[in-house]
Amino acid sequence: MAQDGKSRIRLTQDQLDRVCERHVRFAEGRPNGARANLPFFDLSGLSLAGRNLTGAHLAGAILRDADLRGAVLDHADLYGADLRGADLSEARLFRTDMRGANVRGAKLDGATMVEVDLRDGSMVNRNSAGELKVVGFDPGPADMASARLTNADMARAKLSGSFAQAADFTNTRLSGARLDRTDLRGANFSGADLRGADLNGSDLRGAILDGASLDAGGLEQAIRTDEQAVAARQAPLQATVAEPEPEDSVAAELPALPVDQLDSMLRQHMVWLGTSGKQGCQLDLTGLNLEGADLTGKILTLAKGSGARLRHARLNGAQLQAAQFDGADLRSADLSRADLRGVKLDRAILIDSRLDGANLGMLLVSAGAKVMRASLVRARLAGASLSQTNLKGSDLTLADLTGCDRSSAVLEGAILEGTRLSGA
């Protein structure tokens, strides 16, 4: 994992503990919080056991032999991270981005890794001339060789093209997982649930499948013998364009939230805000289906909505200060003139959305003693309308702004590291 000229910053355990404490305050919307932003840091051998690092930015970080037992890493960015020998037993990694990560020899016994992304990946950035270049690590497949993943939940995990020789998946749930083109030679799948898994082109030579649950014909396209491996190498190369992600498969199964229930939740949220949390209930829309919902002018300050489905929703003029909607689907949503200061929209899908006149600037809290940036790390805004949108000071690291008209948008002080701006 070459560092390409970047120096590693090494933290002490005390320094890391303080970062984690501030991250929890940030995640809970409390004063003096800050998102854990530790890309390429050297955290090897340190302890993050039991820490809540939901949405933390750890791309390219060195976490060799680190203690991550029971850590919560939902929606975290571990793109290209080095986790060799790390202990992630009982950790939670829901929809965590681990593309290109190295987890060789790591322990993930009992980990919850539903929809984790462990596919092949590479990180790109722009140099001063605007040219793309690889940074942070050598691009290639995620490496899970000899990793222990026993009794883990990896339902719908994405492992396409990864390297998992001799990995131990004993009694692990891999239903609906994408294991196509994965090197699984010598892997142990004893008692594993592989129903609905895509094993097309996976190399299962020497793999142990005793007691594994498989669909009828589930191994027909897998490689089981040396002869099949030779035939696969001699077959014409297929196009390497990634298949479109089945983004709607899970959300389509979710019933829409009834309007009367949403209204009740909004009323309780107003009480919660008005009493500083002493009464009422904080609005939590996490994972809910709100497609087409009319939230025009509603007060959603400090609301939670990670992974919420809000396609075509009307949020024009809404107040979303310091709200957490990371990973939310806001395609074609109307957010014009919305107050989004300090909002968290990491990995959110905002394709073709309207952000005309929206305010994604800095949020001053605690009488101005603290400033919160609007965070849109890896957000997808292709084709979004940004007429007179205030993005001053926002974090657009690795975001996609392809095709956006930014001519009247305010980007002063915005973080644009690796941001895709072409075609705009």
Protein backbone atom coordinates (compact mmCIF):
# COMPACT_ATOMS: atom_id res chain seq x y z
CA MET A 1 0.00 0.00 0.00
CA ALA A 2 2.16 2.79 -1.25
CA GLN A 3 1.65 6.17 0.25
CA ASP A 4 2.63 8.10 -2.88
CA GLY A 5 4.60 10.76 -1.08
CA LYS A 6 2.13 11.24 1.76
CA SER A 7 3.54 11.06 5.29
CA ARG A 8 1.64 8.97 7.80
CA ILE A 9 0.39 10.77 10.89
CA ARG A 10 0.75 8.59 13.97
CA LEU A 11 -1.67 9.09 16.87
CA THR A 12 -1.23 8.06 20.48
CA GLN A 13 -4.02 6.14 22.22
CA ASP A 14 -5.00 9.27 24.19
CA GLN A 15 -5.24 11.33 21.01
CA LEU A 16 -7.35 8.65 19.32
CA ASP A 17 -9.65 8.44 22.35
CA ARG A 18 -10.28 12.19 22.13
CA VAL A 19 -11.07 11.90 18.41
CA CYS A 20 -13.58 9.13 19.17
CA GLU A 21 -15.25 11.13 21.93
CA ARG A 22 -15.66 14.15 19.66
CA HIS A 23 -17.04 11.87 16.91
CA VAL A 24 -19.76 10.59 19.25
CA ARG A 25 -20.76 14.15 20.11
CA PHE A 26 -20.84 14.96 16.39
CA ALA A 27 -22.97 11.89 15.60
CA GLU A 28 -25.42 12.82 18.36
CA GLY A 29 -25.57 16.48 17.31
CA ARG A 30 -24.09 17.69 20.60
CA PRO A 31 -21.78 20.71 20.96
CA ASN A 32 -18.00 20.43 20.49
CA GLY A 33 -18.29 17.40 18.26
CA ALA A 34 -16.36 16.63 15.08
CA ARG A 35 -16.49 13.74 12.65
CA ALA A 36 -13.54 11.34 12.90
CA ASN A 37 -11.55 12.26 9.79
CA LEU A 38 -8.39 10.14 9.80
CA PRO A 39 -7.55 9.23 6.18
CA PHE A 40 -4.09 7.64 5.78
CA PHE A 41 -3.39 7.95 9.54
CA ASP A 42 -1.28 5.31 11.25
CA LEU A 43 -3.46 3.74 13.94
CA SER A 44 -1.75 0.35 14.02
CA GLY A 45 -1.97 -1.52 17.30
CA LEU A 46 -4.33 1.02 18.89
CA SER A 47 -7.67 0.24 20.50
CA LEU A 48 -11.04 1.25 19.07
CA ALA A 49 -12.87 -1.51 20.92
CA GLY A 50 -16.55 -0.72 21.49
CA ARG A 51 -16.25 2.72 19.90
CA ASN A 52 -19.08 4.22 17.85
CA LEU A 53 -17.45 5.27 14.56
CA THR A 54 -20.56 5.40 12.41
CA GLY A 55 -19.73 7.34 9.25
CA ALA A 56 -16.06 7.84 10.20
CA HIS A 57 -13.58 8.65 7.43
CA LEU A 58 -10.74 6.10 7.65
CA ALA A 59 -9.86 5.66 3.97
CA GLY A 60 -6.33 4.36 3.53
CA ALA A 61 -5.73 4.24 7.29
CA ILE A 62 -3.24 1.77 8.76
CA LEU A 63 -5.08 -0.32 11.34
CA ARG A 64 -2.79 -3.33 11.50
CA ASP A 65 -3.29 -5.41 14.66
CA ALA A 66 -5.75 -2.79 15.94
CA ASP A 67 -8.40 -3.77 18.48
CA LEU A 68 -11.81 -3.08 16.92
CA ARG A 69 -13.83 -5.64 18.88
CA GLY A 70 -17.46 -4.58 19.10
CA ALA A 71 -16.80 -1.32 17.26
CA VAL A 72 -19.68 0.24 15.30
CA LEU A 73 -18.47 1.14 11.81
CA ASP A 74 -21.79 1.43 9.98
CA HIS A 75 -21.46 3.52 6.79
CA ALA A 76 -17.81 4.18 7.63
CA ASP A 77 -15.22 4.77 4.92
CA LEU A 78 -12.51 2.09 5.14
CA TYR A 79 -11.68 2.33 1.45
CA GLY A 80 -8.19 0.84 0.99
CA ALA A 81 -7.58 0.56 4.73
CA ASP A 82 -4.91 -1.84 6.01
CA LEU A 83 -6.59 -4.10 8.58
CA ARG A 84 -4.13 -6.97 8.52
CA GLY A 85 -4.27 -8.87 11.78
CA ALA A 86 -6.90 -6.54 13.24
CA ASP A 87 -9.54 -7.94 15.60
CA LEU A 88 -13.05 -6.95 14.48
CA SER A 89 -14.88 -9.69 16.37
CA GLU A 90 -18.53 -8.75 17.01
CA ALA A 91 -17.99 -5.44 15.16
CA ARG A 92 -20.83 -3.88 13.17
CA LEU A 93 -20.09 -2.87 9.58
CA PHE A 94 -23.45 -2.21 7.95
CA ARG A 95 -22.92 -0.88 4.39
CA THR A 96 -19.31 -0.08 5.24
CA ASP A 97 -17.11 0.82 2.27
CA MET A 98 -14.14 -1.58 2.39
CA ARG A 99 -13.31 -1.66 -1.30
CA GLY A 100 -9.65 -2.46 -1.87
CA ALA A 101 -9.12 -3.02 1.88
CA ASN A 102 -6.58 -5.52 3.18
CA VAL A 103 -8.04 -7.73 5.91
CA ARG A 104 -5.57 -10.58 5.51
CA GLY A 105 -5.47 -12.58 8.73
CA ALA A 106 -8.02 -10.33 10.45
CA LYS A 107 -10.58 -11.70 12.90
CA LEU A 108 -14.20 -10.94 12.09
CA ASP A 109 -15.88 -13.66 14.13
CA GLY A 110 -19.52 -12.80 14.80
CA ALA A 111 -19.26 -9.49 12.94
CA THR A 112 -22.36 -7.95 11.35
CA MET A 113 -21.36 -7.08 7.79
CA VAL A 114 -24.69 -6.78 6.01
CA GLU A 115 -24.23 -5.15 2.59
CA VAL A 116 -20.56 -4.44 3.31
CA ASP A 117 -18.62 -3.53 0.14
CA LEU A 118 -15.40 -5.54 -0.25
CA ARG A 119 -15.08 -5.36 -4.02
CA ASP A 120 -12.03 -4.46 -6.06
CA GLY A 121 -11.30 -0.76 -5.80
CA SER A 122 -8.81 2.04 -6.34
CA MET A 123 -8.69 5.58 -5.08
CA VAL A 124 -8.23 8.48 -7.46
CA ASN A 125 -7.54 12.14 -6.93
CA ARG A 126 -6.50 15.14 -8.99
CA ASN A 127 -3.10 16.69 -9.09
CA SER A 128 -2.45 20.39 -9.63
CA ALA A 129 -2.86 19.92 -13.38
CA GLY A 130 -6.30 18.39 -12.87
CA GLU A 131 -5.17 14.93 -13.96
CA LEU A 132 -6.41 11.82 -12.20
CA LYS A 133 -3.87 9.82 -10.24
CA VAL A 134 -3.95 6.95 -7.81
CA VAL A 135 -3.27 7.92 -4.20
CA GLY A 136 -3.14 6.23 -0.85
CA PHE A 137 -2.57 2.62 -1.90
CA ASP A 138 -1.92 0.37 -4.84
CA PRO A 139 -5.23 -0.39 -6.57
CA GLY A 140 -6.33 -3.98 -6.58
CA PRO A 141 -8.76 -6.46 -5.10
CA ALA A 142 -9.75 -6.49 -1.46
CA ASP A 143 -7.57 -9.05 0.31
CA MET A 144 -9.28 -11.36 2.83
CA ALA A 145 -6.81 -14.24 2.65
CA SER A 146 -6.82 -16.34 5.83
CA ALA A 147 -9.31 -13.98 7.49
CA ARG A 148 -11.62 -15.47 10.13
CA LEU A 149 -15.23 -14.60 9.38
CA THR A 150 -16.98 -17.33 11.33
CA ASN A 151 -20.58 -16.87 12.53
CA ALA A 152 -20.69 -13.48 10.78
CA ASP A 153 -23.68 -11.92 9.04
CA MET A 154 -22.61 -10.98 5.50
CA ALA A 155 -26.01 -10.99 3.85
CA ARG A 156 -25.95 -9.16 0.50
CA ALA A 157 -22.24 -8.35 0.97
CA LYS A 158 -20.35 -7.35 -2.16
CA LEU A 159 -17.11 -9.29 -2.63
CA SER A 160 -16.92 -9.33 -6.43
CA GLY A 161 -13.37 -9.75 -7.68
CA SER A 162 -11.84 -9.94 -4.20
CA PHE A 163 -9.17 -12.33 -2.91
CA ALA A 164 -10.22 -14.65 -0.08
CA GLN A 165 -8.00 -17.71 -0.25
CA ALA A 166 -8.24 -19.92 2.85
CA ALA A 167 -10.72 -17.51 4.50
CA ASP A 168 -12.90 -19.14 7.15
CA PHE A 169 -16.63 -18.50 6.58
CA THR A 170 -17.83 -21.29 8.89
CA ASN A 171 -21.52 -20.83 9.81
CA THR A 172 -21.54 -17.38 8.20
CA ARG A 173 -24.62 -15.97 6.53
CA LEU A 174 -23.81 -15.05 2.91
CA SER A 175 -27.33 -15.14 1.49
CA GLY A 176 -27.64 -12.87 -1.54
CA ALA A 177 -23.92 -12.04 -1.42
CA ARG A 178 -22.02 -11.20 -4.59
CA LEU A 179 -19.07 -13.58 -4.77
CA ASP A 180 -18.65 -13.55 -8.53
CA ARG A 181 -15.03 -13.71 -9.76
CA THR A 182 -13.83 -14.06 -6.16
CA ASP A 183 -10.75 -16.19 -5.42
CA LEU A 184 -12.06 -18.57 -2.75
CA ARG A 185 -9.54 -21.37 -3.12
CA GLY A 186 -9.28 -23.36 0.09
CA ALA A 187 -11.96 -21.28 1.84
CA ASN A 188 -14.07 -22.95 4.51
CA PHE A 189 -17.84 -22.62 4.05
CA SER A 190 -18.88 -25.33 6.52
CA GLY A 191 -22.47 -24.64 7.60
CA ALA A 192 -22.54 -21.33 5.71
CA ASP A 193 -25.74 -19.96 4.17
CA LEU A 194 -25.01 -19.34 0.47
CA ARG A 195 -28.61 -19.27 -0.73
CA GLY A 196 -29.05 -16.67 -3.44
CA ALA A 197 -25.32 -15.94 -3.56
CA ASP A 198 -23.77 -15.12 -6.94
CA LEU A 199 -20.86 -17.55 -7.42
CA ASN A 200 -20.49 -16.99 -11.15
CA GLY A 201 -16.81 -17.36 -12.05
CA SER A 202 -15.71 -17.73 -8.41
CA ASP A 203 -12.73 -20.04 -7.86
CA LEU A 204 -13.78 -22.66 -5.32
CA ARG A 205 -10.99 -25.18 -5.88
CA GLY A 206 -10.29 -26.91 -2.60
CA ALA A 207 -13.07 -25.04 -0.81
CA ILE A 208 -14.92 -26.85 2.00
CA LEU A 209 -18.70 -26.81 1.55
CA ASP A 210 -19.76 -29.39 4.13
CA GLY A 211 -23.21 -28.52 5.44
CA ALA A 212 -23.43 -25.32 3.40
CA SER A 213 -26.88 -24.21 2.19
CA LEU A 214 -26.85 -23.70 -1.58
CA ASP A 215 -29.45 -23.11 -4.26
CA ALA A 216 -29.96 -25.89 -6.78
CA GLY A 217 -27.43 -25.26 -9.51
CA GLY A 218 -25.73 -22.58 -7.43
CA LEU A 219 -22.29 -23.93 -8.30
CA GLU A 220 -22.87 -24.45 -12.01
CA GLN A 221 -20.88 -21.36 -13.03
CA ALA A 222 -18.22 -21.69 -10.30
CA ILE A 223 -14.73 -23.04 -10.90
CA ARG A 224 -14.23 -26.35 -9.06
CA THR A 225 -11.45 -28.08 -11.01
CA ASP A 226 -8.11 -27.18 -12.63
CA GLU A 227 -9.63 -27.95 -16.02
CA GLN A 228 -12.39 -25.41 -15.43
CA ALA A 229 -9.82 -22.85 -14.32
CA VAL A 230 -7.84 -23.32 -17.54
CA ALA A 231 -11.02 -23.00 -19.59
CA ALA A 232 -11.97 -19.82 -17.75
CA ARG A 233 -8.57 -18.25 -18.47
CA GLN A 234 -8.86 -19.13 -22.14
CA ALA A 235 -12.40 -17.79 -22.46
CA PRO A 236 -12.78 -14.42 -24.22
CA LEU A 237 -12.38 -11.55 -21.79
CA GLN A 238 -15.67 -9.99 -20.80
CA ALA A 239 -16.19 -6.26 -20.55
CA THR A 240 -15.11 -5.03 -17.12
CA VAL A 241 -17.81 -2.41 -16.83
CA ALA A 242 -19.43 -2.84 -13.44
CA GLU A 243 -22.98 -4.05 -13.39
CA PRO A 244 -25.49 -1.53 -12.12
CA GLU A 245 -26.14 -1.90 -8.43
CA PRO A 246 -29.58 -3.21 -7.50
CA GLU A 247 -30.23 -0.08 -5.46
CA ASP A 248 -33.96 -0.45 -5.46
CA SER A 249 -34.16 -4.14 -4.53
CA VAL A 250 -34.32 -3.65 -0.77
CA ALA A 251 -36.09 -0.29 -0.73
CA ALA A 252 -38.80 -1.51 -3.08
CA GLU A 253 -39.77 -4.08 -0.45
CA LEU A 254 -40.30 -1.39 2.19
CA PRO A 255 -43.83 -0.03 2.53
CA ALA A 256 -44.18 3.74 2.42
CA LEU A 257 -44.48 5.40 5.82
CA PRO A 258 -48.14 6.38 6.38
CA VAL A 259 -48.74 10.14 6.31
CA ASP A 260 -50.47 10.17 9.69
CA GLN A 261 -47.56 8.33 11.29
CA LEU A 262 -45.09 10.78 9.76
CA ASP A 263 -47.13 13.73 11.02
CA SER A 264 -47.13 12.26 14.53
CA MET A 265 -43.34 11.77 14.39
CA LEU A 266 -42.88 15.37 13.26
CA ARG A 267 -45.00 16.66 16.15
CA GLN A 268 -43.01 14.63 18.66
CA HIS A 269 -39.81 15.98 17.12
CA MET A 270 -41.00 19.56 17.59
CA VAL A 271 -41.65 18.82 21.27
CA TRP A 272 -38.21 17.23 21.54
CA LEU A 273 -36.55 20.30 20.04
CA GLY A 274 -38.58 22.72 22.13
CA THR A 275 -37.72 20.98 25.40
CA SER A 276 -34.04 20.30 24.57
CA GLY A 277 -34.72 16.58 24.48
CA LYS A 278 -36.54 16.36 27.82
CA GLN A 279 -39.88 15.49 26.22
CA GLY A 280 -41.06 14.19 22.88
CA CYS A 281 -38.91 12.05 20.63
CA GLN A 282 -36.13 12.84 18.15
CA LEU A 283 -37.20 12.26 14.55
CA ASP A 284 -35.59 9.04 13.30
CA LEU A 285 -36.28 8.19 9.66
CA THR A 286 -33.36 5.79 9.34
CA GLY A 287 -33.97 3.32 6.53
CA LEU A 288 -37.63 4.33 6.05
CA ASN A 289 -39.39 4.66 2.70
CA LEU A 290 -40.53 8.29 2.24
CA GLU A 291 -40.55 8.40 -1.53
CA GLY A 292 -42.55 11.38 -2.77
CA ALA A 293 -43.23 12.64 0.76
CA ASP A 294 -44.25 16.30 1.15
CA LEU A 295 -41.97 17.84 3.79
CA THR A 296 -42.14 21.37 2.41
CA GLY A 297 -41.00 23.85 5.06
CA LYS A 298 -40.88 21.20 7.79
CA ILE A 299 -38.46 21.47 10.69
CA LEU A 300 -36.09 18.49 10.57
CA THR A 301 -33.25 20.04 12.56
CA LEU A 302 -31.06 17.31 14.16
CA ALA A 303 -33.22 14.60 12.58
CA LYS A 304 -31.78 11.19 11.76
CA GLY A 305 -32.35 9.65 8.34
CA SER A 306 -29.38 7.46 7.41
CA GLY A 307 -30.26 5.33 4.39
CA ALA A 308 -33.77 6.81 4.12
CA ARG A 309 -35.51 6.62 0.74
CA LEU A 310 -36.60 10.14 -0.24
CA ARG A 311 -36.73 10.00 -4.01
CA HIS A 312 -38.90 12.77 -5.49
CA ALA A 313 -39.56 14.05 -1.96
CA ARG A 314 -40.49 17.73 -1.54
CA LEU A 315 -38.16 19.32 1.01
CA ASN A 316 -38.12 22.83 -0.39
CA GLY A 317 -37.69 25.38 2.38
CA ALA A 318 -37.22 22.66 5.00
CA GLN A 319 -34.90 23.14 7.97
CA LEU A 320 -32.32 20.37 8.14
CA GLN A 321 -29.57 21.96 10.20
CA ALA A 322 -27.16 19.30 11.58
CA ALA A 323 -29.46 16.52 10.34
CA GLN A 324 -27.90 13.13 9.55
CA PHE A 325 -28.97 11.76 6.17
CA ASP A 326 -25.82 9.87 5.20
CA GLY A 327 -26.49 7.26 2.53
CA ALA A 328 -30.01 8.59 1.91
CA ASP A 329 -31.56 8.28 -1.54
CA LEU A 330 -32.62 11.82 -2.54
CA ARG A 331 -32.70 11.36 -6.29
CA SER A 332 -34.84 14.01 -7.99
CA ALA A 333 -35.79 15.44 -4.58
CA ASP A 334 -36.60 19.15 -4.26
CA LEU A 335 -34.32 20.76 -1.67
CA SER A 336 -34.50 24.26 -3.07
CA ARG A 337 -34.08 26.99 -0.44
CA ALA A 338 -33.65 24.34 2.27
CA ASP A 339 -31.43 25.15 5.26
CA LEU A 340 -28.83 22.37 5.20
CA ARG A 341 -26.10 23.97 7.29
CA GLY A 342 -24.03 21.35 9.10
CA VAL A 343 -25.98 18.51 7.46
CA LYS A 344 -24.43 15.09 7.00
CA LEU A 345 -25.03 13.74 3.49
CA ASP A 346 -22.01 11.44 3.12
CA ARG A 347 -22.61 8.92 0.30
CA ALA A 348 -26.10 10.32 -0.23
CA ILE A 349 -27.56 10.00 -3.72
CA LEU A 350 -28.63 13.46 -4.91
CA ILE A 351 -28.63 12.78 -8.63
CA ASP A 352 -30.90 15.21 -10.51
CA SER A 353 -31.98 16.83 -7.25
CA ARG A 354 -32.83 20.53 -6.92
CA LEU A 355 -30.63 22.49 -4.54
CA ASP A 356 -31.33 25.94 -5.97
CA GLY A 357 -30.82 28.56 -3.28
CA ALA A 358 -30.16 25.89 -0.63
CA ASN A 359 -27.79 26.76 2.20
CA LEU A 360 -25.08 24.16 2.81
CA GLY A 361 -22.74 26.60 4.49
CA MET A 362 -21.19 26.53 7.94
CA LEU A 363 -23.39 26.11 11.02
CA LEU A 364 -22.36 28.07 14.10
CA VAL A 365 -23.29 26.37 17.37
CA SER A 366 -22.64 27.05 21.05
CA ALA A 367 -22.83 30.83 20.59
CA GLY A 368 -20.38 30.66 17.73
CA ALA A 369 -17.80 28.65 19.67
CA LYS A 370 -18.06 25.77 17.22
CA VAL A 371 -18.48 25.51 13.48
CA MET A 372 -20.00 22.50 11.71
CA ARG A 373 -19.38 21.89 8.02
CA ALA A 374 -21.99 20.40 5.75
CA SER A 375 -20.51 17.00 4.87
CA LEU A 376 -21.09 15.50 1.43
CA VAL A 377 -18.17 13.06 1.30
CA ARG A 378 -18.65 10.70 -1.67
CA ALA A 379 -22.12 12.14 -2.29
CA ARG A 380 -23.46 11.70 -5.82
CA LEU A 381 -24.82 14.98 -7.21
CA ALA A 382 -24.52 14.30 -10.92
CA GLY A 383 -26.95 16.49 -12.82
CA ALA A 384 -28.14 18.28 -9.68
CA SER A 385 -29.28 21.90 -9.97
CA LEU A 386 -26.96 24.18 -7.97
CA SER A 387 -28.22 27.61 -8.96
CA GLN A 388 -27.14 30.05 -6.23
CA THR A 389 -26.47 27.15 -3.86
CA ASN A 390 -24.31 28.07 -0.88
CA LEU A 391 -21.62 25.41 -0.47
CA LYS A 392 -19.18 27.67 1.36
CA GLY A 393 -16.90 25.61 3.57
CA SER A 394 -18.68 22.32 2.82
CA ASP A 395 -16.79 19.01 2.62
CA LEU A 396 -17.15 17.63 -0.93
CA THR A 397 -14.29 15.13 -0.73
CA LEU A 398 -14.63 12.57 -3.56
CA ALA A 399 -18.16 13.81 -4.33
CA ASP A 400 -19.50 13.57 -7.89
CA LEU A 401 -20.65 16.92 -9.32
CA THR A 402 -20.54 15.78 -12.93
CA GLY A 403 -22.93 17.76 -15.11
CA CYS A 404 -23.84 20.29 -12.41
CA ASP A 405 -24.05 23.96 -13.35
CA ARG A 406 -21.88 25.56 -10.68
CA SER A 407 -21.65 28.96 -12.34
CA SER A 408 -23.63 30.70 -9.58
CA ALA A 409 -22.84 28.31 -6.71
CA VAL A 410 -20.70 29.54 -3.81
CA LEU A 411 -17.76 27.16 -3.25
CA GLU A 412 -15.47 29.43 -1.27
CA GLY A 413 -13.53 27.43 1.31
CA ALA A 414 -15.13 24.13 0.24
CA ILE A 415 -13.03 20.96 0.46
CA LEU A 416 -12.75 19.65 -3.10
CA GLU A 417 -10.16 16.90 -2.70
CA GLY A 418 -10.88 14.29 -5.37
CA THR A 419 -14.21 15.91 -6.28
CA ARG A 420 -15.41 15.09 -9.79
CA LEU A 421 -16.17 18.38 -11.49
CA SER A 422 -15.95 17.41 -15.17
CA GLY A 423 -18.72 18.17 -17.59
CA ALA A 424 -20.02 21.06 -15.56
